[in-house]
């Protein structure tokens, strides 16, 4: 079960990277491109670091899940607005499934060990 847990946690990390890429894609499609293409992913990373990561200094039982929903939801909206509707739906479905699996007690214990 530990191998499955680590695979799920790896997929959660991939999901986070995909969210940052979605913000970069949206930034590339809007002006000022040179500013948005790097500042939006950076803002999402900082939000994740401070509010949503397992060791977030300002995360909590309410703040952490709300921040995750906001980051992944906005990333899906960014893809949708950039005319990548299919990718937006697939990304959102992937995010829901992977993050739901990460909440299983047998996988959650792996995060708490670190």
C-alpha atoms as a PDB file:
ATOM      1  CA  UNK A   1       0.000   0.000   0.000  1.00  0.00           C
ATOM      2  CA  UNK A   2       2.950   2.325   0.619  1.00  0.00           C
ATOM      3  CA  UNK A   3       3.972   2.143  -3.046  1.00  0.00           C
ATOM      4  CA  UNK A   4       0.458   3.160  -4.122  1.00  0.00           C
ATOM      5  CA  UNK A   5       0.555   5.989  -1.599  1.00  0.00           C
ATOM      6  CA  UNK A   6       3.815   7.357  -2.943  1.00  0.00           C
ATOM      7  CA  UNK A   7       2.494   7.115  -6.498  1.00  0.00           C
ATOM      8  CA  UNK A   8      -0.561   9.130  -5.472  1.00  0.00           C
ATOM      9  CA  UNK A   9       1.613  11.731  -3.738  1.00  0.00           C
ATOM     10  CA  UNK A  10       3.782  11.935  -6.861  1.00  0.00           C
ATOM     11  CA  UNK A  11       0.662  12.534  -8.930  1.00  0.00           C
ATOM     12  CA  UNK A  12      -0.417  15.260  -6.505  1.00  0.00           C
ATOM     13  CA  UNK A  13       2.920  16.967  -7.165  1.00  0.00           C
ATOM     14  CA  UNK A  14       2.404  16.609 -10.926  1.00  0.00           C
ATOM     15  CA  UNK A  15      -1.048  18.140 -10.438  1.00  0.00           C
ATOM     16  CA  UNK A  16       0.485  21.130  -8.677  1.00  0.00           C
ATOM     17  CA  UNK A  17       2.974  21.595 -11.525  1.00  0.00           C
ATOM     18  CA  UNK A  18       0.153  21.395 -14.061  1.00  0.00           C
ATOM     19  CA  UNK A  19      -1.711  24.117 -12.178  1.00  0.00           C
ATOM     20  CA  UNK A  20       1.325  26.400 -12.360  1.00  0.00           C
ATOM     21  CA  UNK A  21       1.631  25.667 -16.089  1.00  0.00           C
ATOM     22  CA  UNK A  22      -2.050  26.540 -16.574  1.00  0.00           C
ATOM     23  CA  UNK A  23      -1.467  29.956 -15.016  1.00  0.00           C
ATOM     24  CA  UNK A  24       1.526  30.452 -17.305  1.00  0.00           C
ATOM     25  CA  UNK A  25      -0.563  29.514 -20.346  1.00  0.00           C
ATOM     26  CA  UNK A  26      -3.224  32.034 -19.383  1.00  0.00           C
ATOM     27  CA  UNK A  27      -0.566  34.696 -18.802  1.00  0.00           C
ATOM     28  CA  UNK A  28       0.931  34.020 -22.233  1.00  0.00           C
ATOM     29  CA  UNK A  29      -2.450  34.702 -23.845  1.00  0.00           C
ATOM     30  CA  UNK A  30      -3.001  38.068 -22.129  1.00  0.00           C
ATOM     31  CA  UNK A  31      -1.246  41.411 -21.929  1.00  0.00           C
ATOM     32  CA  UNK A  32       1.172  42.318 -20.478  1.00  0.00           C
ATOM     33  CA  UNK A  33       2.426  38.866 -21.469  1.00  0.00           C
ATOM     34  CA  UNK A  34       5.961  39.438 -20.190  1.00  0.00           C
ATOM     35  CA  UNK A  35       4.609  40.118 -16.693  1.00  0.00           C
ATOM     36  CA  UNK A  36       1.741  37.648 -16.409  1.00  0.00           C
ATOM     37  CA  UNK A  37       3.549  34.614 -17.799  1.00  0.00           C
ATOM     38  CA  UNK A  38       5.813  34.422 -14.757  1.00  0.00           C
ATOM     39  CA  UNK A  39       3.972  36.420 -12.074  1.00  0.00           C
ATOM     40  CA  UNK A  40       0.760  34.346 -12.103  1.00  0.00           C
ATOM     41  CA  UNK A  41       2.542  31.008 -11.561  1.00  0.00           C
ATOM     42  CA  UNK A  42       4.691  32.679  -8.904  1.00  0.00           C
ATOM     43  CA  UNK A  43       1.598  34.002  -7.107  1.00  0.00           C
ATOM     44  CA  UNK A  44       0.036  30.537  -7.246  1.00  0.00           C
ATOM     45  CA  UNK A  45       3.244  28.960  -5.898  1.00  0.00           C
ATOM     46  CA  UNK A  46       3.384  31.402  -2.999  1.00  0.00           C
ATOM     47  CA  UNK A  47      -0.284  30.804  -2.233  1.00  0.00           C
ATOM     48  CA  UNK A  48       0.384  27.083  -2.251  1.00  0.00           C
ATOM     49  CA  UNK A  49       3.469  27.427  -0.068  1.00  0.00           C
ATOM     50  CA  UNK A  50       1.826  29.605   2.564  1.00  0.00           C
ATOM     51  CA  UNK A  51      -1.691  28.156   2.598  1.00  0.00           C
ATOM     52  CA  UNK A  52      -2.069  24.762   0.928  1.00  0.00           C
ATOM     53  CA  UNK A  53       1.094  22.682   1.278  1.00  0.00           C
ATOM     54  CA  UNK A  54       1.262  20.020   4.013  1.00  0.00           C
ATOM     55  CA  UNK A  55       3.662  22.190   6.044  1.00  0.00           C
ATOM     56  CA  UNK A  56       2.074  25.533   5.160  1.00  0.00           C
ATOM     57  CA  UNK A  57       2.703  28.079   7.930  1.00  0.00           C
ATOM     58  CA  UNK A  58      -0.791  29.569   7.573  1.00  0.00           C
ATOM     59  CA  UNK A  59      -2.654  26.442   6.505  1.00  0.00           C
ATOM     60  CA  UNK A  60      -5.239  24.824   8.692  1.00  0.00           C
ATOM     61  CA  UNK A  61      -8.166  22.464   8.597  1.00  0.00           C
ATOM     62  CA  UNK A  62     -10.288  25.074   6.806  1.00  0.00           C
ATOM     63  CA  UNK A  63      -7.716  27.257   5.044  1.00  0.00           C
ATOM     64  CA  UNK A  64      -5.798  24.421   3.348  1.00  0.00           C
ATOM     65  CA  UNK A  65      -8.739  22.844   1.487  1.00  0.00           C
ATOM     66  CA  UNK A  66     -10.164  26.243   0.527  1.00  0.00           C
ATOM     67  CA  UNK A  67      -6.799  27.341  -0.878  1.00  0.00           C
ATOM     68  CA  UNK A  68      -6.518  24.091  -2.863  1.00  0.00           C
ATOM     69  CA  UNK A  69      -9.986  24.530  -4.353  1.00  0.00           C
ATOM     70  CA  UNK A  70      -9.178  28.123  -5.286  1.00  0.00           C
ATOM     71  CA  UNK A  71      -5.807  27.311  -6.885  1.00  0.00           C
ATOM     72  CA  UNK A  72      -7.019  24.277  -8.852  1.00  0.00           C
ATOM     73  CA  UNK A  73     -10.311  25.924  -9.749  1.00  0.00           C
ATOM     74  CA  UNK A  74      -8.624  29.051 -11.058  1.00  0.00           C
ATOM     75  CA  UNK A  75      -6.110  26.934 -12.960  1.00  0.00           C
ATOM     76  CA  UNK A  76      -8.953  25.075 -14.672  1.00  0.00           C
ATOM     77  CA  UNK A  77     -10.664  28.392 -15.448  1.00  0.00           C
ATOM     78  CA  UNK A  78      -7.398  29.711 -16.856  1.00  0.00           C
ATOM     79  CA  UNK A  79      -7.182  26.760 -19.234  1.00  0.00           C
ATOM     80  CA  UNK A  80     -10.837  27.177 -20.189  1.00  0.00           C
ATOM     81  CA  UNK A  81     -10.372  30.893 -20.880  1.00  0.00           C
ATOM     82  CA  UNK A  82      -7.306  30.114 -23.000  1.00  0.00           C
ATOM     83  CA  UNK A  83      -9.492  27.995 -25.309  1.00  0.00           C
ATOM     84  CA  UNK A  84      -8.288  24.682 -23.894  1.00  0.00           C
ATOM     85  CA  UNK A  85     -11.715  23.509 -22.724  1.00  0.00           C
ATOM     86  CA  UNK A  86     -10.987  19.788 -22.980  1.00  0.00           C
ATOM     87  CA  UNK A  87      -7.748  20.162 -21.050  1.00  0.00           C
ATOM     88  CA  UNK A  88      -9.532  22.256 -18.420  1.00  0.00           C
ATOM     89  CA  UNK A  89     -12.114  19.521 -17.813  1.00  0.00           C
ATOM     90  CA  UNK A  90      -9.471  16.771 -17.781  1.00  0.00           C
ATOM     91  CA  UNK A  91      -7.262  18.783 -15.433  1.00  0.00           C
ATOM     92  CA  UNK A  92     -10.124  19.448 -13.027  1.00  0.00           C
ATOM     93  CA  UNK A  93     -11.175  15.777 -13.021  1.00  0.00           C
ATOM     94  CA  UNK A  94      -7.570  14.678 -12.461  1.00  0.00           C
ATOM     95  CA  UNK A  95      -7.202  17.185  -9.613  1.00  0.00           C
ATOM     96  CA  UNK A  96     -10.344  16.001  -7.862  1.00  0.00           C
ATOM     97  CA  UNK A  97      -9.458  12.312  -8.133  1.00  0.00           C
ATOM     98  CA  UNK A  98      -5.813  12.615  -7.130  1.00  0.00           C
ATOM     99  CA  UNK A  99      -6.452  14.962  -4.212  1.00  0.00           C
ATOM    100  CA  UNK A 100      -9.342  12.804  -2.983  1.00  0.00           C
ATOM    101  CA  UNK A 101      -7.058   9.755  -3.029  1.00  0.00           C
ATOM    102  CA  UNK A 102      -4.421  11.733  -1.112  1.00  0.00           C
ATOM    103  CA  UNK A 103      -6.950  12.173   1.717  1.00  0.00           C
ATOM    104  CA  UNK A 104      -7.163   8.419   2.355  1.00  0.00           C
ATOM    105  CA  UNK A 105      -5.816   7.631   5.835  1.00  0.00           C
ATOM    106  CA  UNK A 106      -3.246   5.139   4.520  1.00  0.00           C
ATOM    107  CA  UNK A 107      -1.824   7.807   2.197  1.00  0.00           C
ATOM    108  CA  UNK A 108      -2.236  10.715   4.618  1.00  0.00           C
ATOM    109  CA  UNK A 109       0.033   8.930   7.090  1.00  0.00           C
ATOM    110  CA  UNK A 110       2.880   9.084   4.549  1.00  0.00           C
ATOM    111  CA  UNK A 111       2.618  12.877   4.467  1.00  0.00           C
ATOM    112  CA  UNK A 112       2.539  13.092   8.264  1.00  0.00           C
ATOM    113  CA  UNK A 113       5.735  10.980   8.544  1.00  0.00           C
ATOM    114  CA  UNK A 114       7.822  13.543   6.668  1.00  0.00           C
END
